[in-house]
Protein backbone atom coordinates (compact mmCIF):
# COMPACT_ATOMS: atom_id res chain seq x y z
CA MET A 1 15.95 7.28 1.24
CA LEU A 2 12.86 6.18 -0.65
CA PRO A 3 13.00 3.38 -3.21
CA SER A 4 12.90 3.76 -6.97
CA ALA A 5 9.60 2.83 -8.61
CA VAL A 6 11.12 -0.46 -9.79
CA ASP A 7 12.52 -1.30 -6.34
CA PHE A 8 9.19 -0.44 -4.70
CA TRP A 9 7.28 -2.65 -7.16
CA GLU A 10 9.67 -5.55 -6.51
CA PHE A 11 9.48 -5.03 -2.73
CA SER A 12 5.68 -4.96 -2.97
CA ALA A 13 5.52 -8.23 -4.90
CA GLU A 14 7.88 -9.91 -2.43
CA ILE A 15 6.05 -8.68 0.68
CA TYR A 16 2.57 -9.28 -0.76
CA ASN A 17 3.47 -12.94 -1.24
CA CYS A 18 4.58 -13.44 2.37
CA ALA A 19 2.33 -15.53 4.61
CA GLY A 20 -0.83 -13.69 5.58
CA VAL A 21 0.05 -10.39 3.92
CA LYS A 22 -2.29 -10.67 0.95
CA ASP A 23 -5.23 -11.59 3.17
CA ALA A 24 -4.47 -8.80 5.65
CA CYS A 25 -4.11 -6.23 2.86
CA LEU A 26 -7.32 -7.27 1.12
CA GLU A 27 -9.27 -7.28 4.39
CA ALA A 28 -7.95 -3.80 5.19
CA GLN A 29 -8.88 -2.68 1.67
CA ASP A 30 -12.30 -4.29 1.39
CA LEU A 31 -13.58 -3.77 4.94
CA TYR A 32 -11.81 -0.60 6.08
CA GLY A 33 -11.03 1.34 2.90
CA ALA A 34 -7.24 1.01 3.08
CA ASP A 35 -5.03 1.45 0.03
CA VAL A 36 -2.81 -1.62 -0.38
CA ASN A 37 -0.12 0.41 -2.15
CA LEU A 38 -0.03 2.87 0.72
CA ILE A 39 0.20 0.00 3.21
CA LEU A 40 3.15 -1.34 1.23
CA LEU A 41 4.87 2.05 1.04
CA TYR A 42 4.48 2.52 4.79
CA LEU A 43 5.84 -1.00 5.35
CA TRP A 44 8.88 -0.17 3.24
CA CYS A 45 9.46 3.00 5.31
CA ASP A 46 8.96 1.07 8.57
CA ARG A 47 11.47 -1.57 7.47
CA GLU A 48 14.01 1.09 6.53
CA GLY A 49 13.54 3.06 9.78
CA ILE A 50 11.99 6.08 8.08
CA ALA A 51 9.34 8.08 9.91
CA VAL A 52 7.12 9.69 7.29
CA PRO A 53 6.45 13.36 8.20
CA GLU A 54 2.84 14.24 9.07
CA LYS A 55 2.46 16.55 6.06
CA ALA A 56 3.61 13.72 3.82
CA HIS A 57 1.03 11.38 5.40
CA GLU A 58 -1.68 13.91 4.60
CA ALA A 59 -0.53 14.36 1.01
CA LEU A 60 -0.10 10.60 0.47
CA GLU A 61 -3.54 9.83 1.84
CA THR A 62 -5.09 12.56 -0.32
CA ILE A 63 -3.56 11.19 -3.52
CA SER A 64 -4.40 7.65 -2.40
CA VAL A 65 -8.09 8.50 -2.00
CA LEU A 66 -8.09 10.12 -5.43
CA TRP A 67 -6.48 7.08 -7.10
CA GLN A 68 -8.77 4.65 -5.32
CA ARG A 69 -11.98 6.55 -5.97
CA GLU A 70 -11.35 7.59 -9.56
CA LYS A 71 -9.22 4.81 -11.00
CA LEU A 72 -8.62 1.66 -9.02
CA ALA A 73 -11.94 1.01 -7.25
CA PRO A 74 -14.07 1.32 -10.42
CA HIS A 75 -11.63 -0.84 -12.37
CA ARG A 76 -11.42 -3.39 -9.54
CA ALA A 77 -15.23 -3.63 -9.50
CA ARG A 78 -15.31 -4.29 -13.26
CA ARG A 79 -12.61 -6.93 -12.90
CA ARG A 80 -14.39 -8.66 -10.03
CA ASP A 81 -17.65 -8.68 -12.00
CA ALA A 82 -15.83 -10.29 -14.92
CA LYS A 83 -14.35 -13.14 -12.88
CA GLY A 84 -14.80 -16.38 -14.81
CA LYS A 85 -15.77 -14.51 -17.99
CA ASP A 86 -13.98 -13.50 -21.16
CA GLY A 87 -11.78 -10.48 -20.63
CA TYR A 88 -11.03 -11.15 -16.97
CA GLU A 89 -7.30 -11.71 -17.53
CA THR A 90 -7.04 -8.48 -19.53
CA LEU A 91 -8.79 -6.56 -16.74
CA LEU A 92 -6.45 -8.12 -14.19
CA SER A 93 -3.42 -7.12 -16.25
CA ASP A 94 -4.79 -3.59 -16.68
CA GLU A 95 -5.35 -3.37 -12.92
CA LEU A 96 -1.71 -4.21 -12.26
CA VAL A 97 -0.69 -1.40 -14.63
CA LEU A 98 -2.90 0.98 -12.64
CA GLU A 99 -1.45 -0.30 -9.34
CA ARG A 100 2.06 0.31 -10.60
CA ALA A 101 1.11 3.82 -11.78
CA GLU A 102 -0.38 4.59 -8.37
CA GLN A 103 2.83 3.45 -6.72
CA ALA A 104 4.80 5.87 -8.91
CA ALA A 105 2.38 8.66 -7.96
CA LEU A 106 2.75 7.87 -4.26
CA LEU A 107 6.54 7.90 -4.55
CA ALA A 108 6.45 11.24 -6.38
CA ILE A 109 4.44 12.74 -3.51
CA ALA A 110 6.62 11.12 -0.84
CA ASN A 111 9.76 12.48 -2.50
CA GLU A 112 8.43 16.03 -2.06
CA TYR A 113 8.83 15.63 1.72
CA PRO A 114 12.21 14.80 3.19
CA PRO A 115 11.79 11.67 5.31
CA ARG A 116 12.92 11.73 8.90
CA GLU A 117 15.32 8.95 9.82
CA GLN A 118 14.87 7.81 13.40
CA ALA A 119 16.52 5.36 15.72
CA ALA A 120 13.33 3.86 17.13
CA GLN A 121 11.13 1.73 14.93
CA PRO A 122 8.63 3.93 13.10
CA ASN A 123 5.04 2.75 12.87
CA ASN A 124 3.80 4.40 9.68
CA CYS A 125 1.76 1.37 8.62
CA GLY A 126 0.33 0.78 12.08
CA ASN A 127 -0.69 4.41 12.42
CA TYR A 128 -2.37 4.38 9.01
CA LEU A 129 -4.35 1.23 9.77
CA THR A 130 -5.24 2.47 13.26
CA ASP A 131 -6.62 5.68 11.72
CA LEU A 132 -8.89 3.46 9.59
CA ASN A 133 -10.04 1.51 12.69
CA THR A 134 -8.67 -1.78 11.43
CA PRO A 135 -8.15 -4.56 13.97
CA LEU A 136 -4.62 -4.73 15.33
CA SER A 137 -4.51 -8.40 14.30
CA LEU A 138 -4.04 -7.26 10.69
CA LEU A 139 -0.65 -5.81 11.59
CA LYS A 140 0.84 -9.10 12.73
CA PRO A 141 1.49 -10.63 9.27
CA LEU A 142 2.51 -7.24 7.89
CA HIS A 143 5.10 -6.70 10.58
CA ALA A 144 6.29 -10.30 10.31
CA ALA A 145 6.91 -9.79 6.60
CA ILE A 146 9.37 -6.97 7.32
CA GLY A 147 11.07 -8.81 10.16
CA ARG A 148 9.22 -7.32 13.11
CA ALA A 149 7.78 -9.43 15.87
């Protein structure tokens, strides 16, 4: 079962603050085009033993690209340009609102596809990052944060 929007946001904050996760997520985002919220959703599914169906992956990645291209990336660029200037904190706060809204959109899409429970450990996050040609070393802190070696 997928989390509520509130539970997903809380999980994301907890995981993002684990050792190495923030750096791995930002490297995947900035150098390989990954969506941090999608990484976090896939990590939640991996932790819970849920294999995301292929059609759901496609739909999630489509909505992710839309959110990144049209909303988050332009806003993130404005916020980064404003670092150290007036208005930076407001832009940062606004970005978190957008991140939370994207998470809700991702969950809405994911809930359209019944997840497949499986006995073996799913690798939704690893598969996503592999598709983006990220180095496997980025997975280590992500998997550690959800209790995988």
